[in-house]
C-alpha atoms as a PDB file:
ATOM      1  CA  MET A   1      34.628  -5.401  26.115  1.00  0.00           C
ATOM      2  CA  THR A   2      35.089  -3.389  22.927  1.00  0.00           C
ATOM      3  CA  THR A   3      32.682  -0.809  21.624  1.00  0.00           C
ATOM      4  CA  ASP A   4      31.531  -3.256  18.915  1.00  0.00           C
ATOM      5  CA  ASP A   5      30.871  -5.926  21.530  1.00  0.00           C
ATOM      6  CA  ALA A   6      28.869  -3.476  23.644  1.00  0.00           C
ATOM      7  CA  LEU A   7      26.857  -2.442  20.609  1.00  0.00           C
ATOM      8  CA  ARG A   8      26.175  -6.082  19.695  1.00  0.00           C
ATOM      9  CA  ALA A   9      25.074  -6.819  23.266  1.00  0.00           C
ATOM     10  CA  THR A  10      22.739  -3.797  23.297  1.00  0.00           C
ATOM     11  CA  ILE A  11      21.195  -4.732  19.963  1.00  0.00           C
ATOM     12  CA  HIS A  12      20.790  -8.358  21.102  1.00  0.00           C
ATOM     13  CA  ALA A  13      19.099  -7.251  24.339  1.00  0.00           C
ATOM     14  CA  ALA A  14      16.734  -4.917  22.433  1.00  0.00           C
ATOM     15  CA  HIS A  15      15.936  -7.687  19.953  1.00  0.00           C
ATOM     16  CA  THR A  16      15.207 -10.176  22.726  1.00  0.00           C
ATOM     17  CA  ALA A  17      12.993  -7.716  24.628  1.00  0.00           C
ATOM     18  CA  THR A  18      11.084  -6.811  21.457  1.00  0.00           C
ATOM     19  CA  LYS A  19      10.614 -10.464  20.510  1.00  0.00           C
ATOM     20  CA  THR A  20       9.292 -11.243  23.998  1.00  0.00           C
ATOM     21  CA  ARG A  21       6.802  -8.368  23.867  1.00  0.00           C
ATOM     22  CA  VAL A  22       5.611  -9.232  20.345  1.00  0.00           C
ATOM     23  CA  ASN A  23       5.118 -12.886  21.316  1.00  0.00           C
ATOM     24  CA  ALA A  24       3.153 -11.824  24.415  1.00  0.00           C
ATOM     25  CA  LEU A  25       0.987  -9.521  22.289  1.00  0.00           C
ATOM     26  CA  PHE A  26       0.189 -12.287  19.800  1.00  0.00           C
ATOM     27  CA  ALA A  27      -0.577 -14.686  22.658  1.00  0.00           C
ATOM     28  CA  ALA A  28      -2.994 -12.137  24.151  1.00  0.00           C
ATOM     29  CA  LEU A  29      -4.712 -11.599  20.786  1.00  0.00           C
ATOM     30  CA  ARG A  30      -5.013 -15.295  19.901  1.00  0.00           C
ATOM     31  CA  PRO A  31      -8.327 -15.915  21.796  1.00  0.00           C
ATOM     32  CA  ALA A  32      -9.993 -12.910  20.129  1.00  0.00           C
ATOM     33  CA  VAL A  33      -8.769 -13.892  16.665  1.00  0.00           C
ATOM     34  CA  THR A  34      -9.938 -17.467  17.232  1.00  0.00           C
ATOM     35  CA  ALA A  35     -13.387 -16.262  18.344  1.00  0.00           C
ATOM     36  CA  ILE A  36     -13.710 -14.014  15.284  1.00  0.00           C
ATOM     37  CA  GLY A  37     -12.680 -16.886  13.021  1.00  0.00           C
ATOM     38  CA  GLN A  38     -15.294 -19.164  14.580  1.00  0.00           C
ATOM     39  CA  TRP A  39     -17.997 -16.484  14.298  1.00  0.00           C
ATOM     40  CA  ALA A  40     -17.075 -15.920  10.639  1.00  0.00           C
ATOM     41  CA  GLN A  41     -17.947 -19.567   9.938  1.00  0.00           C
ATOM     42  CA  THR A  42     -21.484 -19.257  11.354  1.00  0.00           C
ATOM     43  CA  PRO A  43     -24.458 -18.359   9.114  1.00  0.00           C
ATOM     44  CA  GLU A  44     -24.739 -15.006  10.905  1.00  0.00           C
ATOM     45  CA  GLY A  45     -21.051 -14.313  10.341  1.00  0.00           C
ATOM     46  CA  GLN A  46     -21.235 -15.339   6.683  1.00  0.00           C
ATOM     47  CA  ALA A  47     -24.214 -13.008   6.154  1.00  0.00           C
ATOM     48  CA  ALA A  48     -22.420 -10.112   7.848  1.00  0.00           C
ATOM     49  CA  ILE A  49     -19.273 -10.671   5.781  1.00  0.00           C
ATOM     50  CA  ALA A  50     -21.307 -10.844   2.564  1.00  0.00           C
ATOM     51  CA  GLN A  51     -23.023  -7.544   3.457  1.00  0.00           C
ATOM     52  CA  MET A  52     -19.664  -5.881   4.209  1.00  0.00           C
ATOM     53  CA  ARG A  53     -18.362  -7.029   0.817  1.00  0.00           C
ATOM     54  CA  ARG A  54     -21.444  -5.647  -0.964  1.00  0.00           C
ATOM     55  CA  ASP A  55     -21.050  -2.336   0.875  1.00  0.00           C
ATOM     56  CA  ARG A  56     -17.337  -2.211   0.033  1.00  0.00           C
ATOM     57  CA  ASP A  57     -17.902  -2.917  -3.641  1.00  0.00           C
ATOM     58  CA  ARG A  58     -20.490  -0.167  -4.135  1.00  0.00           C
ATOM     59  CA  GLU A  59     -19.179   2.670  -6.193  1.00  0.00           C
ATOM     60  CA  PRO A  60     -19.361   5.936  -4.233  1.00  0.00           C
ATOM     61  CA  CYS A  61     -20.863   9.133  -5.562  1.00  0.00           C
ATOM     62  CA  ALA A  62     -17.976  10.950  -7.266  1.00  0.00           C
ATOM     63  CA  CYS A  63     -19.834  14.128  -8.098  1.00  0.00           C
ATOM     64  CA  ILE A  64     -18.189  17.382  -7.091  1.00  0.00           C
ATOM     65  CA  CYS A  65     -21.379  19.189  -6.104  1.00  0.00           C
ATOM     66  CA  SER A  66     -19.972  22.695  -6.529  1.00  0.00           C
ATOM     67  CA  ILE A  67     -19.182  21.940 -10.187  1.00  0.00           C
ATOM     68  CA  THR A  68     -21.836  19.446 -11.251  1.00  0.00           C
ATOM     69  CA  HIS A  69     -24.855  21.167  -9.688  1.00  0.00           C
ATOM     70  CA  PRO A  70     -23.657  24.424  -8.089  1.00  0.00           C
ATOM     71  CA  SER A  71     -27.069  25.940  -7.361  1.00  0.00           C
ATOM     72  CA  THR A  72     -28.153  23.035  -5.147  1.00  0.00           C
ATOM     73  CA  THR A  73     -26.341  20.935  -2.627  1.00  0.00           C
ATOM     74  CA  PRO A  74     -28.672  18.045  -1.808  1.00  0.00           C
ATOM     75  CA  GLY A  75     -26.117  15.994   0.068  1.00  0.00           C
ATOM     76  CA  HIS A  76     -25.121  12.539  -1.009  1.00  0.00           C
ATOM     77  CA  ASP A  77     -27.704   9.845  -0.310  1.00  0.00           C
ATOM     78  CA  GLY A  78     -25.619   6.717  -0.742  1.00  0.00           C
ATOM     79  CA  PRO A  79     -23.701   4.866  -3.417  1.00  0.00           C
ATOM     80  CA  ALA A  80     -23.714   5.805  -7.077  1.00  0.00           C
ATOM     81  CA  THR A  81     -26.847   4.646  -8.841  1.00  0.00           C
ATOM     82  CA  ARG A  82     -26.152   6.075 -12.278  1.00  0.00           C
ATOM     83  CA  THR A  83     -23.423   7.672 -14.339  1.00  0.00           C
ATOM     84  CA  LEU A  84     -23.745  11.064 -15.985  1.00  0.00           C
ATOM     85  CA  ASN A  85     -21.274  12.423 -18.511  1.00  0.00           C
ATOM     86  CA  ARG A  86     -19.493  15.692 -17.906  1.00  0.00           C
ATOM     87  CA  THR A  87     -17.407  17.432 -20.554  1.00  0.00           C
ATOM     88  CA  THR A  88     -14.197  19.084 -19.442  1.00  0.00           C
ATOM     89  CA  GLU A  89     -11.678  21.069 -21.452  1.00  0.00           C
ATOM     90  CA  THR A  90      -8.740  18.888 -20.471  1.00  0.00           C
ATOM     91  CA  LEU A  91     -10.271  15.403 -20.451  1.00  0.00           C
ATOM     92  CA  GLY A  92     -13.201  15.747 -22.810  1.00  0.00           C
ATOM     93  CA  ARG A  93     -16.250  13.646 -21.954  1.00  0.00           C
ATOM     94  CA  VAL A  94     -15.904  11.999 -18.524  1.00  0.00           C
ATOM     95  CA  PRO A  95     -18.422   9.609 -16.931  1.00  0.00           C
ATOM     96  CA  ILE A  96     -19.135  10.576 -13.314  1.00  0.00           C
ATOM     97  CA  PRO A  97     -20.821   8.082 -10.975  1.00  0.00           C
ATOM     98  CA  MET A  98     -23.498   9.841  -8.908  1.00  0.00           C
ATOM     99  CA  CYS A  99     -25.936   9.041  -6.149  1.00  0.00           C
ATOM    100  CA  GLN A 100     -29.631   9.590  -6.864  1.00  0.00           C
ATOM    101  CA  ALA A 101     -29.826  13.031  -5.196  1.00  0.00           C
ATOM    102  CA  CYS A 102     -26.807  14.405  -7.060  1.00  0.00           C
ATOM    103  CA  ALA A 103     -27.963  12.926 -10.374  1.00  0.00           C
ATOM    104  CA  HIS A 104     -31.364  14.640 -10.062  1.00  0.00           C
ATOM    105  CA  ALA A 105     -29.730  17.940  -9.098  1.00  0.00           C
ATOM    106  CA  ALA A 106     -27.183  17.691 -11.948  1.00  0.00           C
ATOM    107  CA  LEU A 107     -29.890  16.938 -14.520  1.00  0.00           C
ATOM    108  CA  ALA A 108     -31.960  19.865 -13.237  1.00  0.00           C
ATOM    109  CA  ALA A 109     -28.911  22.137 -13.469  1.00  0.00           C
ATOM    110  CA  GLN A 110     -28.272  20.979 -17.067  1.00  0.00           C
ATOM    111  CA  GLU A 111     -31.897  21.665 -18.036  1.00  0.00           C
ATOM    112  CA  ALA A 112     -31.720  25.133 -16.501  1.00  0.00           C
ATOM    113  CA  GLN A 113     -28.757  26.086 -18.696  1.00  0.00           C
END
């Protein structure tokens, strides 16, 4: 057996072993995937999926607290509820989505200036 033949045999054996393990893994996962698919078709599953999509599509608070309202750090209280404009030297006027707590703190910081 030449070196090339030995290499081919080793690669073939590794390929076969990997294929066997991957097939076994998919076979083991199939019942769980089937159960999730069936649950997703139920009214409860549809409601949960719709809620996950709404949560995913919410715009997060993009305020950088130390810049937008440095004297207070209220902590973010959820998704962005409004957009405030911030002027920067490099970008000019930039809309920044903010949660309610950050928006109140940023407006208070602007009024204090």
